[in-house]
Amino acid sequence: MKIRENTTRYEDYKYVMQDAGNLYIGAKYSYEELLEQEMIPFKLKTILIRYVLTEASPETTLESQFYYLEENDFLYETYKQLKVRVKTQIQKEKKTLSGKTRMEYKEKIFTLQELVQMNLARKKASGMIVMEIIVSKLGMMVFSV
């Protein structure tokens, strides 16, 4: 958490990591912040500028973009080409030894198609939180810009 000019900004879910096959991006980033991030590959920045920002506002966070993404959107097709997956947390009921139930969060990674097929009411009922966007490096490599 950073305190700047009397405003508080949460940085917990603003990160970029990568391994041999994927790029992992924290879902709290806005598109504007992603373009300023050094760890984001140039090709992904180009894709964001040419394809994504023609349809979305620079202030939009990845979290809200993917939470409200619909199957018939141009952005869905763009992210589908990038072979994006979405890491979420969903509330699940768990029975305790005493027989009572309690809610706990479970981590689940959705394909883009699975995510958009879940309607908004079901997402809200499950307490879904979008945590991370996983971009396939292979999908990014074959994406033509």
C-alpha atoms as a PDB file:
ATOM      1  CA  MET A   1       0.000   0.000   0.000  1.00  0.00           C
ATOM      2  CA  LYS A   2       1.391   3.371  -1.007  1.00  0.00           C
ATOM      3  CA  ILE A   3       0.379   6.727   0.405  1.00  0.00           C
ATOM      4  CA  ARG A   4       0.811   9.528  -2.068  1.00  0.00           C
ATOM      5  CA  GLU A   5      -0.708  13.010  -1.945  1.00  0.00           C
ATOM      6  CA  ASN A   6      -3.121  12.011   0.848  1.00  0.00           C
ATOM      7  CA  THR A   7      -4.566   9.145  -1.197  1.00  0.00           C
ATOM      8  CA  THR A   8      -4.266   5.471  -0.413  1.00  0.00           C
ATOM      9  CA  ARG A   9      -3.657   2.967  -3.224  1.00  0.00           C
ATOM     10  CA  TYR A  10      -3.700  -0.763  -2.735  1.00  0.00           C
ATOM     11  CA  GLU A  11      -0.900  -2.532  -4.588  1.00  0.00           C
ATOM     12  CA  ASP A  12      -1.460  -6.088  -3.286  1.00  0.00           C
ATOM     13  CA  TYR A  13      -2.832  -7.439  -6.551  1.00  0.00           C
ATOM     14  CA  LYS A  14      -0.718  -5.350  -8.900  1.00  0.00           C
ATOM     15  CA  TYR A  15       2.107  -7.575 -10.023  1.00  0.00           C
ATOM     16  CA  VAL A  16       3.600  -9.067 -13.164  1.00  0.00           C
ATOM     17  CA  MET A  17       5.329 -12.450 -13.119  1.00  0.00           C
ATOM     18  CA  GLN A  18       6.269 -14.847 -15.847  1.00  0.00           C
ATOM     19  CA  ASP A  19       7.534 -18.338 -16.415  1.00  0.00           C
ATOM     20  CA  ALA A  20       8.442 -20.232 -19.576  1.00  0.00           C
ATOM     21  CA  GLY A  21       4.874 -20.457 -20.847  1.00  0.00           C
ATOM     22  CA  ASN A  22       2.742 -17.759 -19.243  1.00  0.00           C
ATOM     23  CA  LEU A  23       2.575 -14.156 -18.128  1.00  0.00           C
ATOM     24  CA  TYR A  24       0.719 -13.598 -14.830  1.00  0.00           C
ATOM     25  CA  ILE A  25      -0.806 -10.152 -14.263  1.00  0.00           C
ATOM     26  CA  GLY A  26      -2.515  -8.977 -11.069  1.00  0.00           C
ATOM     27  CA  ALA A  27      -6.135  -8.064 -11.759  1.00  0.00           C
ATOM     28  CA  LYS A  28      -6.095  -4.699  -9.934  1.00  0.00           C
ATOM     29  CA  TYR A  29      -4.110  -3.049 -12.752  1.00  0.00           C
ATOM     30  CA  SER A  30      -5.915  -0.623 -15.029  1.00  0.00           C
ATOM     31  CA  TYR A  31      -4.997  -0.655 -18.700  1.00  0.00           C
ATOM     32  CA  GLU A  32      -3.278   2.700 -18.246  1.00  0.00           C
ATOM     33  CA  GLU A  33      -1.088   1.306 -15.449  1.00  0.00           C
ATOM     34  CA  LEU A  34      -0.266  -1.788 -17.517  1.00  0.00           C
ATOM     35  CA  LEU A  35       1.069   0.347 -20.340  1.00  0.00           C
ATOM     36  CA  GLU A  36       3.402   2.074 -17.864  1.00  0.00           C
ATOM     37  CA  GLN A  37       4.621  -1.221 -16.365  1.00  0.00           C
ATOM     38  CA  GLU A  38       8.161  -2.194 -17.445  1.00  0.00           C
ATOM     39  CA  MET A  39       7.607  -5.943 -17.042  1.00  0.00           C
ATOM     40  CA  ILE A  40       4.823  -6.079 -19.651  1.00  0.00           C
ATOM     41  CA  PRO A  41       6.201  -7.284 -23.006  1.00  0.00           C
ATOM     42  CA  PHE A  42       6.156  -4.776 -25.862  1.00  0.00           C
ATOM     43  CA  LYS A  43       3.933  -7.024 -27.975  1.00  0.00           C
ATOM     44  CA  LEU A  44       1.262  -7.192 -25.266  1.00  0.00           C
ATOM     45  CA  LYS A  45       1.392  -3.400 -24.897  1.00  0.00           C
ATOM     46  CA  THR A  46       0.908  -3.106 -28.663  1.00  0.00           C
ATOM     47  CA  ILE A  47      -2.074  -5.491 -28.547  1.00  0.00           C
ATOM     48  CA  LEU A  48      -3.590  -3.478 -25.699  1.00  0.00           C
ATOM     49  CA  ILE A  49      -3.199  -0.203 -27.583  1.00  0.00           C
ATOM     50  CA  ARG A  50      -4.364  -1.443 -31.015  1.00  0.00           C
ATOM     51  CA  TYR A  51      -7.157  -3.810 -30.018  1.00  0.00           C
ATOM     52  CA  VAL A  52      -8.230  -3.489 -26.395  1.00  0.00           C
ATOM     53  CA  LEU A  53      -8.189   0.278 -25.851  1.00  0.00           C
ATOM     54  CA  THR A  54     -10.373   0.803 -28.925  1.00  0.00           C
ATOM     55  CA  GLU A  55     -13.137  -0.957 -26.961  1.00  0.00           C
ATOM     56  CA  ALA A  56     -12.297  -0.205 -23.309  1.00  0.00           C
ATOM     57  CA  SER A  57     -11.440   2.839 -21.224  1.00  0.00           C
ATOM     58  CA  PRO A  58      -7.829   3.223 -20.001  1.00  0.00           C
ATOM     59  CA  GLU A  59      -9.149   3.498 -16.411  1.00  0.00           C
ATOM     60  CA  THR A  60     -10.849   0.082 -16.599  1.00  0.00           C
ATOM     61  CA  THR A  61      -9.227  -2.497 -14.339  1.00  0.00           C
ATOM     62  CA  LEU A  62      -8.570  -6.032 -15.509  1.00  0.00           C
ATOM     63  CA  GLU A  63     -10.714  -7.235 -12.633  1.00  0.00           C
ATOM     64  CA  SER A  64     -13.840  -5.438 -13.825  1.00  0.00           C
ATOM     65  CA  GLN A  65     -13.098  -6.084 -17.511  1.00  0.00           C
ATOM     66  CA  PHE A  66     -13.032  -9.837 -17.042  1.00  0.00           C
ATOM     67  CA  TYR A  67     -15.823  -9.949 -14.451  1.00  0.00           C
ATOM     68  CA  TYR A  68     -18.244  -8.299 -16.892  1.00  0.00           C
ATOM     69  CA  LEU A  69     -16.819  -9.734 -20.146  1.00  0.00           C
ATOM     70  CA  GLU A  70     -19.404 -11.213 -22.505  1.00  0.00           C
ATOM     71  CA  GLU A  71     -19.045 -13.807 -25.229  1.00  0.00           C
ATOM     72  CA  ASN A  72     -20.208 -11.614 -28.110  1.00  0.00           C
ATOM     73  CA  ASP A  73     -17.695  -8.811 -27.345  1.00  0.00           C
ATOM     74  CA  PHE A  74     -14.737  -7.971 -29.567  1.00  0.00           C
ATOM     75  CA  LEU A  75     -12.558  -8.038 -26.449  1.00  0.00           C
ATOM     76  CA  TYR A  76     -13.607 -11.635 -25.804  1.00  0.00           C
ATOM     77  CA  GLU A  77     -12.293 -12.599 -29.237  1.00  0.00           C
ATOM     78  CA  THR A  78      -9.066 -10.679 -28.640  1.00  0.00           C
ATOM     79  CA  TYR A  79      -8.419 -12.352 -25.287  1.00  0.00           C
ATOM     80  CA  LYS A  80      -9.446 -15.729 -26.716  1.00  0.00           C
ATOM     81  CA  GLN A  81      -6.684 -15.392 -29.336  1.00  0.00           C
ATOM     82  CA  LEU A  82      -4.228 -14.709 -26.488  1.00  0.00           C
ATOM     83  CA  LYS A  83      -5.414 -17.922 -24.771  1.00  0.00           C
ATOM     84  CA  VAL A  84      -6.154 -16.016 -21.573  1.00  0.00           C
ATOM     85  CA  ARG A  85      -7.196 -17.815 -18.399  1.00  0.00           C
ATOM     86  CA  VAL A  86      -8.520 -16.130 -15.268  1.00  0.00           C
ATOM     87  CA  LYS A  87      -7.595 -17.036 -11.695  1.00  0.00           C
ATOM     88  CA  THR A  88     -10.466 -16.369  -9.292  1.00  0.00           C
ATOM     89  CA  GLN A  89     -11.550 -16.990  -5.740  1.00  0.00           C
ATOM     90  CA  ILE A  90     -15.030 -18.385  -5.167  1.00  0.00           C
ATOM     91  CA  GLN A  91     -16.920 -18.851  -1.914  1.00  0.00           C
ATOM     92  CA  LYS A  92     -17.751 -22.444  -1.004  1.00  0.00           C
ATOM     93  CA  GLU A  93     -19.666 -23.848   1.937  1.00  0.00           C
ATOM     94  CA  LYS A  94     -17.649 -26.132   4.150  1.00  0.00           C
ATOM     95  CA  LYS A  95     -19.008 -28.285   6.944  1.00  0.00           C
ATOM     96  CA  THR A  96     -17.079 -28.256  10.181  1.00  0.00           C
ATOM     97  CA  LEU A  97     -16.654 -31.224  12.518  1.00  0.00           C
ATOM     98  CA  SER A  98     -19.427 -29.867  14.722  1.00  0.00           C
ATOM     99  CA  GLY A  99     -21.877 -30.033  11.806  1.00  0.00           C
ATOM    100  CA  LYS A 100     -22.057 -26.295  11.223  1.00  0.00           C
ATOM    101  CA  THR A 101     -21.332 -24.782   7.853  1.00  0.00           C
ATOM    102  CA  ARG A 102     -19.014 -21.906   7.154  1.00  0.00           C
ATOM    103  CA  MET A 103     -17.986 -20.073   4.015  1.00  0.00           C
ATOM    104  CA  GLU A 104     -14.433 -20.211   2.737  1.00  0.00           C
ATOM    105  CA  TYR A 105     -12.763 -19.100  -0.471  1.00  0.00           C
ATOM    106  CA  LYS A 106     -11.400 -21.620  -2.956  1.00  0.00           C
ATOM    107  CA  GLU A 107      -9.080 -20.738  -5.813  1.00  0.00           C
ATOM    108  CA  LYS A 108     -10.199 -21.709  -9.314  1.00  0.00           C
ATOM    109  CA  ILE A 109      -8.700 -21.023 -12.725  1.00  0.00           C
ATOM    110  CA  PHE A 110     -11.261 -20.544 -15.494  1.00  0.00           C
ATOM    111  CA  THR A 111     -10.727 -20.644 -19.214  1.00  0.00           C
ATOM    112  CA  LEU A 112     -12.124 -17.565 -20.908  1.00  0.00           C
ATOM    113  CA  GLN A 113     -15.031 -19.562 -22.318  1.00  0.00           C
ATOM    114  CA  GLU A 114     -15.956 -20.986 -18.890  1.00  0.00           C
ATOM    115  CA  LEU A 115     -15.860 -17.499 -17.385  1.00  0.00           C
ATOM    116  CA  VAL A 116     -18.149 -15.843 -19.932  1.00  0.00           C
ATOM    117  CA  GLN A 117     -20.627 -18.729 -19.846  1.00  0.00           C
ATOM    118  CA  MET A 118     -21.191 -18.035 -16.145  1.00  0.00           C
ATOM    119  CA  ASN A 119     -23.872 -15.348 -15.924  1.00  0.00           C
ATOM    120  CA  LEU A 120     -23.480 -12.265 -13.750  1.00  0.00           C
ATOM    121  CA  ALA A 121     -26.018 -13.424 -11.140  1.00  0.00           C
ATOM    122  CA  ARG A 122     -24.112 -16.689 -10.660  1.00  0.00           C
ATOM    123  CA  LYS A 123     -20.809 -14.814 -10.328  1.00  0.00           C
ATOM    124  CA  LYS A 124     -22.293 -12.569  -7.653  1.00  0.00           C
ATOM    125  CA  ALA A 125     -23.929 -15.467  -5.818  1.00  0.00           C
ATOM    126  CA  SER A 126     -20.619 -17.329  -5.686  1.00  0.00           C
ATOM    127  CA  GLY A 127     -18.820 -14.250  -4.341  1.00  0.00           C
ATOM    128  CA  MET A 128     -16.356 -14.452  -7.232  1.00  0.00           C
ATOM    129  CA  ILE A 129     -13.261 -12.284  -7.037  1.00  0.00           C
ATOM    130  CA  VAL A 130     -10.989 -11.984 -10.087  1.00  0.00           C
ATOM    131  CA  MET A 131      -7.409 -12.243  -8.831  1.00  0.00           C
ATOM    132  CA  GLU A 132      -5.104 -12.754 -11.788  1.00  0.00           C
ATOM    133  CA  ILE A 133      -5.026 -12.829 -15.565  1.00  0.00           C
ATOM    134  CA  ILE A 134      -2.873 -15.533 -17.159  1.00  0.00           C
ATOM    135  CA  VAL A 135      -1.731 -14.780 -20.718  1.00  0.00           C
ATOM    136  CA  SER A 136      -0.225 -17.598 -22.768  1.00  0.00           C
ATOM    137  CA  LYS A 137       3.137 -16.650 -24.262  1.00  0.00           C
ATOM    138  CA  LEU A 138       2.397 -18.986 -27.178  1.00  0.00           C
ATOM    139  CA  GLY A 139      -0.922 -17.205 -27.749  1.00  0.00           C
ATOM    140  CA  MET A 140       0.873 -13.869 -27.633  1.00  0.00           C
ATOM    141  CA  MET A 141       3.577 -15.112 -30.002  1.00  0.00           C
ATOM    142  CA  VAL A 142       1.129 -16.203 -32.708  1.00  0.00           C
ATOM    143  CA  PHE A 143      -1.052 -13.089 -32.331  1.00  0.00           C
ATOM    144  CA  SER A 144      -0.595 -10.961 -35.425  1.00  0.00           C
ATOM    145  CA  VAL A 145      -0.281  -7.196 -34.891  1.00  0.00           C
END
